[in-house]
C-alpha atoms as a PDB file:
ATOM      1  CA  GLU A   1      -9.396   0.539 -21.082  1.00  0.00           C
ATOM      2  CA  ALA A   2      -6.665  -1.332 -18.974  1.00  0.00           C
ATOM      3  CA  ILE A   3      -8.689  -0.933 -15.713  1.00  0.00           C
ATOM      4  CA  LYS A   4     -11.796  -2.500 -17.372  1.00  0.00           C
ATOM      5  CA  LYS A   5      -9.945  -5.503 -18.665  1.00  0.00           C
ATOM      6  CA  LEU A   6      -8.372  -5.892 -15.170  1.00  0.00           C
ATOM      7  CA  ASP A   7     -11.894  -5.546 -13.603  1.00  0.00           C
ATOM      8  CA  LYS A   8     -13.105  -8.293 -15.762  1.00  0.00           C
ATOM      9  CA  LEU A   9     -10.413 -10.485 -14.435  1.00  0.00           C
ATOM     10  CA  LYS A  10     -11.594  -9.674 -10.773  1.00  0.00           C
ATOM     11  CA  GLU A  11     -15.101 -10.742 -11.794  1.00  0.00           C
ATOM     12  CA  SER A  12     -13.916 -14.027 -13.384  1.00  0.00           C
ATOM     13  CA  ASP A  13     -14.182 -17.366 -11.586  1.00  0.00           C
ATOM     14  CA  ALA A  14     -10.318 -17.686 -11.266  1.00  0.00           C
ATOM     15  CA  ASP A  15      -9.101 -19.439  -8.144  1.00  0.00           C
ATOM     16  CA  GLU A  16      -7.648 -17.588  -5.218  1.00  0.00           C
ATOM     17  CA  THR A  17      -4.085 -17.658  -6.151  1.00  0.00           C
ATOM     18  CA  PHE A  18      -5.212 -15.654  -9.314  1.00  0.00           C
ATOM     19  CA  SER A  19      -5.515 -12.646  -7.078  1.00  0.00           C
ATOM     20  CA  VAL A  20      -1.746 -12.419  -6.814  1.00  0.00           C
ATOM     21  CA  PHE A  21      -1.464 -12.083 -10.610  1.00  0.00           C
ATOM     22  CA  ARG A  22      -4.080  -9.417 -10.728  1.00  0.00           C
ATOM     23  CA  LYS A  23      -2.433  -7.472  -7.972  1.00  0.00           C
ATOM     24  CA  ILE A  24       1.035  -7.690  -9.758  1.00  0.00           C
ATOM     25  CA  LEU A  25      -0.569  -6.241 -12.812  1.00  0.00           C
ATOM     26  CA  TYR A  26      -2.165  -3.472 -10.769  1.00  0.00           C
ATOM     27  CA  CYS A  27       1.339  -2.720  -9.219  1.00  0.00           C
ATOM     28  CA  THR A  28       2.868  -2.550 -12.604  1.00  0.00           C
ATOM     29  CA  MET A  29       0.107   0.023 -13.687  1.00  0.00           C
ATOM     30  CA  LEU A  30       0.911   2.026 -10.532  1.00  0.00           C
ATOM     31  CA  ASP A  31       4.770   1.936 -11.168  1.00  0.00           C
ATOM     32  CA  THR A  32       3.951   3.100 -14.791  1.00  0.00           C
ATOM     33  CA  LEU A  33       1.902   6.044 -13.642  1.00  0.00           C
ATOM     34  CA  ALA A  34       4.447   7.033 -10.893  1.00  0.00           C
ATOM     35  CA  LYS A  35       7.279   7.155 -13.593  1.00  0.00           C
ATOM     36  CA  ALA A  36       4.969   9.177 -15.764  1.00  0.00           C
ATOM     37  CA  VAL A  37       4.651  11.850 -13.017  1.00  0.00           C
ATOM     38  CA  TYR A  38       8.005  11.652 -11.707  1.00  0.00           C
ATOM     39  CA  PRO A  39      10.461  11.018 -14.445  1.00  0.00           C
ATOM     40  CA  ASN A  40      13.351  12.878 -12.653  1.00  0.00           C
ATOM     41  CA  LEU A  41      13.381  10.151  -9.930  1.00  0.00           C
ATOM     42  CA  LYS A  42      15.494   7.759 -12.101  1.00  0.00           C
ATOM     43  CA  ASN A  43      16.555   4.593 -10.142  1.00  0.00           C
ATOM     44  CA  LYS A  44      14.427   5.682  -7.228  1.00  0.00           C
ATOM     45  CA  SER A  45      11.352   3.352  -7.677  1.00  0.00           C
ATOM     46  CA  LYS A  46      10.482   3.467  -3.815  1.00  0.00           C
ATOM     47  CA  ALA A  47      10.399   7.282  -3.834  1.00  0.00           C
ATOM     48  CA  ARG A  48       8.570   7.359  -7.095  1.00  0.00           C
ATOM     49  CA  PHE A  49       5.855   4.827  -5.904  1.00  0.00           C
ATOM     50  CA  ILE A  50       5.386   6.274  -2.376  1.00  0.00           C
ATOM     51  CA  ASN A  51       5.246   9.865  -3.703  1.00  0.00           C
ATOM     52  CA  PHE A  52       2.627   8.832  -6.357  1.00  0.00           C
ATOM     53  CA  ILE A  53       0.235   6.987  -4.098  1.00  0.00           C
ATOM     54  CA  GLU A  54       0.505   9.677  -1.293  1.00  0.00           C
ATOM     55  CA  LYS A  55      -0.480  12.457  -3.637  1.00  0.00           C
ATOM     56  CA  TYR A  56      -2.752  10.780  -6.181  1.00  0.00           C
ATOM     57  CA  CYS A  57      -4.256   7.657  -5.000  1.00  0.00           C
ATOM     58  CA  PHE A  58      -7.074   8.376  -2.430  1.00  0.00           C
ATOM     59  CA  ASP A  59     -10.808   9.002  -2.305  1.00  0.00           C
ATOM     60  CA  THR A  60     -13.693   9.814   0.161  1.00  0.00           C
ATOM     61  CA  THR A  61     -13.325   6.486   1.784  1.00  0.00           C
ATOM     62  CA  TRP A  62      -9.489   5.878   1.723  1.00  0.00           C
ATOM     63  CA  GLU A  63      -8.499   9.454   2.611  1.00  0.00           C
ATOM     64  CA  GLU A  64      -5.183  11.172   1.672  1.00  0.00           C
ATOM     65  CA  ASP A  65      -3.835  11.226   5.288  1.00  0.00           C
ATOM     66  CA  TYR A  66      -4.428   7.390   5.757  1.00  0.00           C
ATOM     67  CA  TRP A  67      -1.212   6.642   3.929  1.00  0.00           C
ATOM     68  CA  LYS A  68       0.717   8.269   6.823  1.00  0.00           C
ATOM     69  CA  LYS A  69      -1.047   6.260   9.564  1.00  0.00           C
ATOM     70  CA  ILE A  70       0.843   3.743  11.473  1.00  0.00           C
ATOM     71  CA  SER A  71      -0.223   0.003  11.021  1.00  0.00           C
ATOM     72  CA  ILE A  72      -0.271  -1.089  14.773  1.00  0.00           C
ATOM     73  CA  PRO A  73      -0.311  -4.884  14.108  1.00  0.00           C
ATOM     74  CA  GLN A  74       2.697  -4.603  11.808  1.00  0.00           C
ATOM     75  CA  LEU A  75       4.541  -2.163  14.164  1.00  0.00           C
ATOM     76  CA  LEU A  76       4.094  -4.882  16.814  1.00  0.00           C
ATOM     77  CA  TYR A  77       5.434  -7.706  14.744  1.00  0.00           C
ATOM     78  CA  GLY A  78       8.194  -5.752  13.127  1.00  0.00           C
ATOM     79  CA  THR A  79       9.620  -3.128  15.535  1.00  0.00           C
ATOM     80  CA  GLU A  80      12.595  -4.047  18.203  1.00  0.00           C
ATOM     81  CA  ILE A  81      12.350  -0.883  19.948  1.00  0.00           C
ATOM     82  CA  LYS A  82      10.937  -1.562  23.538  1.00  0.00           C
ATOM     83  CA  LYS A  83       8.871   1.679  23.651  1.00  0.00           C
ATOM     84  CA  LEU A  84       7.237   1.235  20.290  1.00  0.00           C
ATOM     85  CA  THR A  85       6.484  -2.365  21.121  1.00  0.00           C
ATOM     86  CA  GLU A  86       4.725  -1.302  24.339  1.00  0.00           C
ATOM     87  CA  TYR A  87       2.809   1.371  22.377  1.00  0.00           C
ATOM     88  CA  ALA A  88       1.663  -1.317  19.857  1.00  0.00           C
ATOM     89  CA  LYS A  89       0.601  -3.804  22.621  1.00  0.00           C
ATOM     90  CA  LYS A  90      -1.464  -1.100  24.411  1.00  0.00           C
ATOM     91  CA  ASN A  91      -3.285   0.069  21.243  1.00  0.00           C
ATOM     92  CA  ILE A  92      -3.683  -3.007  19.062  1.00  0.00           C
ATOM     93  CA  CYS A  93      -7.336  -4.091  18.592  1.00  0.00           C
ATOM     94  CA  THR A  94      -8.358  -7.255  20.374  1.00  0.00           C
ATOM     95  CA  SER A  95     -11.625  -7.801  18.492  1.00  0.00           C
ATOM     96  CA  ASN A  96     -12.128 -11.399  17.290  1.00  0.00           C
ATOM     97  CA  GLY A  97     -13.670 -10.189  14.036  1.00  0.00           C
ATOM     98  CA  SER A  98     -12.428  -8.402  11.090  1.00  0.00           C
ATOM     99  CA  ASP A  99     -12.961  -4.563  11.489  1.00  0.00           C
ATOM    100  CA  CYS A 100     -12.987  -2.277   8.661  1.00  0.00           C
ATOM    101  CA  ASP A 101     -12.861   0.740  11.018  1.00  0.00           C
ATOM    102  CA  GLU A 102      -9.726  -0.322  12.761  1.00  0.00           C
ATOM    103  CA  ILE A 103      -7.395   1.580  10.300  1.00  0.00           C
ATOM    104  CA  LYS A 104      -9.539   4.886  10.844  1.00  0.00           C
ATOM    105  CA  ARG A 105      -8.522   4.654  14.465  1.00  0.00           C
ATOM    106  CA  GLU A 106      -4.809   4.427  13.689  1.00  0.00           C
ATOM    107  CA  ARG A 107      -2.601   7.478  14.096  1.00  0.00           C
ATOM    108  CA  THR A 108       0.038   9.412  12.252  1.00  0.00           C
ATOM    109  CA  ILE A 109       3.514   9.903  13.581  1.00  0.00           C
ATOM    110  CA  LEU A 110       2.505  13.483  14.496  1.00  0.00           C
ATOM    111  CA  GLU A 111      -0.524  12.288  16.358  1.00  0.00           C
ATOM    112  CA  ILE A 112       1.508   9.589  18.192  1.00  0.00           C
ATOM    113  CA  GLU A 113       3.928  12.209  19.181  1.00  0.00           C
ATOM    114  CA  SER A 114       1.392  14.326  21.054  1.00  0.00           C
ATOM    115  CA  THR A 115       1.224  11.448  23.606  1.00  0.00           C
ATOM    116  CA  LEU A 116       4.545   9.713  23.353  1.00  0.00           C
ATOM    117  CA  LYS A 117       7.890  11.136  23.396  1.00  0.00           C
ATOM    118  CA  LEU A 118       9.670  10.061  20.248  1.00  0.00           C
ATOM    119  CA  SER A 119      13.435  10.423  19.200  1.00  0.00           C
ATOM    120  CA  ASP A 120      14.435  10.948  15.638  1.00  0.00           C
ATOM    121  CA  ASP A 121      15.324   7.210  15.490  1.00  0.00           C
ATOM    122  CA  ASP A 122      11.835   6.226  16.801  1.00  0.00           C
ATOM    123  CA  LYS A 123      10.245   8.442  14.032  1.00  0.00           C
ATOM    124  CA  LYS A 124      12.514   6.851  11.490  1.00  0.00           C
ATOM    125  CA  GLU A 125      11.453   3.446  12.791  1.00  0.00           C
ATOM    126  CA  LEU A 126       7.835   4.368  12.713  1.00  0.00           C
ATOM    127  CA  MET A 127       8.066   5.529   9.084  1.00  0.00           C
ATOM    128  CA  ASN A 128       8.597   1.776   8.025  1.00  0.00           C
ATOM    129  CA  PHE A 129       5.093   1.052   9.236  1.00  0.00           C
ATOM    130  CA  THR A 130       3.167   3.750   7.428  1.00  0.00           C
ATOM    131  CA  HIS A 131       0.683   2.315   4.920  1.00  0.00           C
ATOM    132  CA  SER A 132       2.484   3.869   1.991  1.00  0.00           C
ATOM    133  CA  ASN A 133       5.611   2.249   3.001  1.00  0.00           C
ATOM    134  CA  LEU A 134       3.865  -1.032   3.792  1.00  0.00           C
ATOM    135  CA  LEU A 135       2.258  -0.972   0.323  1.00  0.00           C
ATOM    136  CA  TYR A 136       5.446  -0.474  -1.332  1.00  0.00           C
ATOM    137  CA  LYS A 137       6.869  -3.592   0.554  1.00  0.00           C
ATOM    138  CA  TYR A 138       3.760  -5.511  -0.387  1.00  0.00           C
ATOM    139  CA  ARG A 139       4.415  -4.432  -3.978  1.00  0.00           C
ATOM    140  CA  CYS A 140       8.105  -5.612  -3.787  1.00  0.00           C
ATOM    141  CA  THR A 141       7.024  -9.099  -2.537  1.00  0.00           C
ATOM    142  CA  LEU A 142       4.342  -9.434  -5.223  1.00  0.00           C
ATOM    143  CA  ILE A 143       6.744  -8.564  -8.112  1.00  0.00           C
ATOM    144  CA  HIS A 144       9.976 -10.125  -6.685  1.00  0.00           C
ATOM    145  CA  GLU A 145       8.520 -13.197  -5.065  1.00  0.00           C
ATOM    146  CA  MET A 146       5.172 -13.648  -6.707  1.00  0.00           C
ATOM    147  CA  LYS A 147       3.526 -14.053  -3.334  1.00  0.00           C
ATOM    148  CA  GLU A 148       1.765 -11.780  -0.764  1.00  0.00           C
ATOM    149  CA  PRO A 149       3.765 -10.885   2.479  1.00  0.00           C
ATOM    150  CA  GLY A 150       2.752 -12.327   5.786  1.00  0.00           C
ATOM    151  CA  HIS A 151      -0.111 -14.878   6.093  1.00  0.00           C
ATOM    152  CA  PRO A 152      -2.488 -13.197   3.594  1.00  0.00           C
ATOM    153  CA  TRP A 153      -6.313 -13.789   3.801  1.00  0.00           C
ATOM    154  CA  ASP A 154      -7.783 -12.141   0.722  1.00  0.00           C
ATOM    155  CA  CYS A 155     -11.243 -10.724   1.166  1.00  0.00           C
ATOM    156  CA  ASP A 156     -12.494 -10.214  -2.451  1.00  0.00           C
ATOM    157  CA  LYS A 157     -15.694  -8.840  -1.272  1.00  0.00           C
ATOM    158  CA  ASP A 158     -13.971  -5.880   0.400  1.00  0.00           C
ATOM    159  CA  ASP A 159     -12.694  -2.901  -1.631  1.00  0.00           C
ATOM    160  CA  TYR A 160     -10.529  -1.293   1.177  1.00  0.00           C
ATOM    161  CA  PRO A 161      -7.773  -2.421   3.742  1.00  0.00           C
ATOM    162  CA  LEU A 162      -8.735  -4.214   6.692  1.00  0.00           C
ATOM    163  CA  TYR A 163      -7.305  -6.478   9.468  1.00  0.00           C
ATOM    164  CA  PHE A 164      -8.377 -10.139   9.705  1.00  0.00           C
ATOM    165  CA  PRO A 165      -7.781 -12.313  12.736  1.00  0.00           C
ATOM    166  CA  ALA A 166      -5.995 -15.506  11.856  1.00  0.00           C
ATOM    167  CA  PRO A 167      -3.800 -18.083  13.841  1.00  0.00           C
ATOM    168  CA  HIS A 168      -0.022 -17.872  13.155  1.00  0.00           C
ATOM    169  CA  ILE A 169       1.031 -20.639  10.680  1.00  0.00           C
ATOM    170  CA  ARG A 170       3.482 -22.119  13.280  1.00  0.00           C
ATOM    171  CA  THR A 171       2.553 -20.982  16.784  1.00  0.00           C
ATOM    172  CA  GLU A 172      -1.168 -20.920  16.341  1.00  0.00           C
ATOM    173  CA  GLU A 173      -1.214 -17.592  18.186  1.00  0.00           C
ATOM    174  CA  ASP A 174      -3.847 -15.119  17.230  1.00  0.00           C
ATOM    175  CA  THR A 175      -2.666 -12.501  14.824  1.00  0.00           C
ATOM    176  CA  ARG A 176      -4.053  -9.614  12.976  1.00  0.00           C
ATOM    177  CA  GLU A 177      -3.259  -9.991   9.208  1.00  0.00           C
ATOM    178  CA  LEU A 178      -3.205  -6.657   7.322  1.00  0.00           C
ATOM    179  CA  VAL A 179      -5.172  -7.198   4.026  1.00  0.00           C
ATOM    180  CA  TYR A 180      -4.993  -5.167   0.939  1.00  0.00           C
ATOM    181  CA  PRO A 181      -7.752  -6.656  -1.134  1.00  0.00           C
ATOM    182  CA  VAL A 182      -7.775  -6.822  -5.065  1.00  0.00           C
ATOM    183  CA  GLY A 183     -10.522  -4.251  -5.247  1.00  0.00           C
ATOM    184  CA  PHE A 184      -8.252  -1.720  -3.363  1.00  0.00           C
ATOM    185  CA  PHE A 185      -5.558  -2.041  -6.067  1.00  0.00           C
ATOM    186  CA  ALA A 186      -8.157  -1.327  -8.691  1.00  0.00           C
ATOM    187  CA  ILE A 187      -9.331   1.822  -6.811  1.00  0.00           C
ATOM    188  CA  LEU A 188      -5.747   3.034  -6.379  1.00  0.00           C
ATOM    189  CA  CYS A 189      -5.279   2.647 -10.222  1.00  0.00           C
ATOM    190  CA  ASP A 190      -8.467   4.467 -10.986  1.00  0.00           C
ATOM    191  CA  THR A 191      -8.042   7.353  -8.692  1.00  0.00           C
ATOM    192  CA  GLY A 192      -4.291   7.511  -9.704  1.00  0.00           C
ATOM    193  CA  ILE A 193      -5.243   7.802 -13.301  1.00  0.00           C
ATOM    194  CA  LYS A 194      -8.051  10.529 -12.653  1.00  0.00           C
ATOM    195  CA  ASN A 195      -5.919  12.677 -10.294  1.00  0.00           C
ATOM    196  CA  SER A 196      -2.764  12.495 -12.251  1.00  0.00           C
ATOM    197  CA  LYS A 197      -4.662  13.515 -15.469  1.00  0.00           C
ATOM    198  CA  GLU A 198      -5.604  16.791 -13.816  1.00  0.00           C
ATOM    199  CA  TYR A 199      -1.744  17.151 -13.079  1.00  0.00           C
ATOM    200  CA  PHE A 200      -0.833  16.623 -16.717  1.00  0.00           C
ATOM    201  CA  ILE A 201      -3.673  19.079 -17.996  1.00  0.00           C
ATOM    202  CA  GLU A 202      -2.667  21.799 -15.390  1.00  0.00           C
ATOM    203  CA  ASN A 203       1.077  21.439 -16.198  1.00  0.00           C
ATOM    204  CA  LYS A 204       0.624  20.963 -19.963  1.00  0.00           C
ATOM    205  CA  LYS A 205       2.722  17.884 -19.855  1.00  0.00           C
ATOM    206  CA  PHE A 206       2.225  14.556 -21.928  1.00  0.00           C
ATOM    207  CA  PRO A 207       2.707  11.381 -20.045  1.00  0.00           C
ATOM    208  CA  TYR A 208       4.665   9.638 -22.886  1.00  0.00           C
ATOM    209  CA  ASP A 209       7.400  12.185 -22.544  1.00  0.00           C
ATOM    210  CA  SER A 210       8.515  10.248 -19.374  1.00  0.00           C
ATOM    211  CA  PHE A 211       9.381   7.286 -21.410  1.00  0.00           C
ATOM    212  CA  ASP A 212      11.982   6.268 -23.892  1.00  0.00           C
ATOM    213  CA  PHE A 213      10.707   4.827 -27.252  1.00  0.00           C
ATOM    214  CA  GLY A 214      13.961   4.620 -28.835  1.00  0.00           C
ATOM    215  CA  ASN A 215      15.642   1.558 -30.217  1.00  0.00           C
ATOM    216  CA  SER A 216      18.385   1.227 -27.443  1.00  0.00           C
ATOM    217  CA  TRP A 217      17.299  -0.975 -24.409  1.00  0.00           C
ATOM    218  CA  CYS A 218      20.369   0.309 -22.433  1.00  0.00           C
ATOM    219  CA  LYS A 219      19.950   4.055 -22.664  1.00  0.00           C
ATOM    220  CA  ARG A 220      20.263   5.801 -19.463  1.00  0.00           C
END
C-alpha cells in the first residue's frame, strides 16, 4: 500500500526538487525493511542497509552481482591511489551520451583482480566504490543533508542506474554523473518487500517482532 502511494507521487506533476523527497521516503522504507530482517545489527545502520539491498533488492534487469560492481567514474573522482586512478582512466567510458549499459560492463573486485594485482589496501579502497556502498552514501546524503550527492541529473523516465554526461559546476570539465533515478528506488522497495516476505515465511518470523512498540522512547 505504501509503495502504491509513493508511485502516485512519482506520477504527479511535482517539480524536480520533489524527487529528493520521494527518494528520502523510499530510503526510509528500505531502512525499515533492513531492520526487520536484521534486528541483531543494532546501531549498525550501514551493515543492515548494505546487507539487505545486496541480498533482497535485485531483479532480472538489476542483477544481484551488480551491487558489487565498481563504479569507474566514482573511483576516478574519489580515489587517491595512483594504481586505481590509472585503472579508472583506462576503463572509463568516453561516450558523449548517457549509456544504460555502461554499468553492465563494470567489474567486481574479483574480476578486476584477475588483470590487476591488488593489495589488501587496494581492495579495501575499492569497496568504497561498489554500488551497494555508493547507494548507502547516497542514502545518507539524502537523509542528513536533504540533497543528492555530486551534481545530480535525475532521469525520471529511467528506472535503472545510469551515467549521464555533464559539465563540472566549476571547471566545466566533462564528467560522468552516476544517477539513481526515483524509479530505481521504487523497484528496490518493491523487490525488497517481495524477497524478504519469502524469508519471513520460510523462517516463520514476524517482521513486527524486530521493533519496539512499548512506551519508552529510550529503551535499548
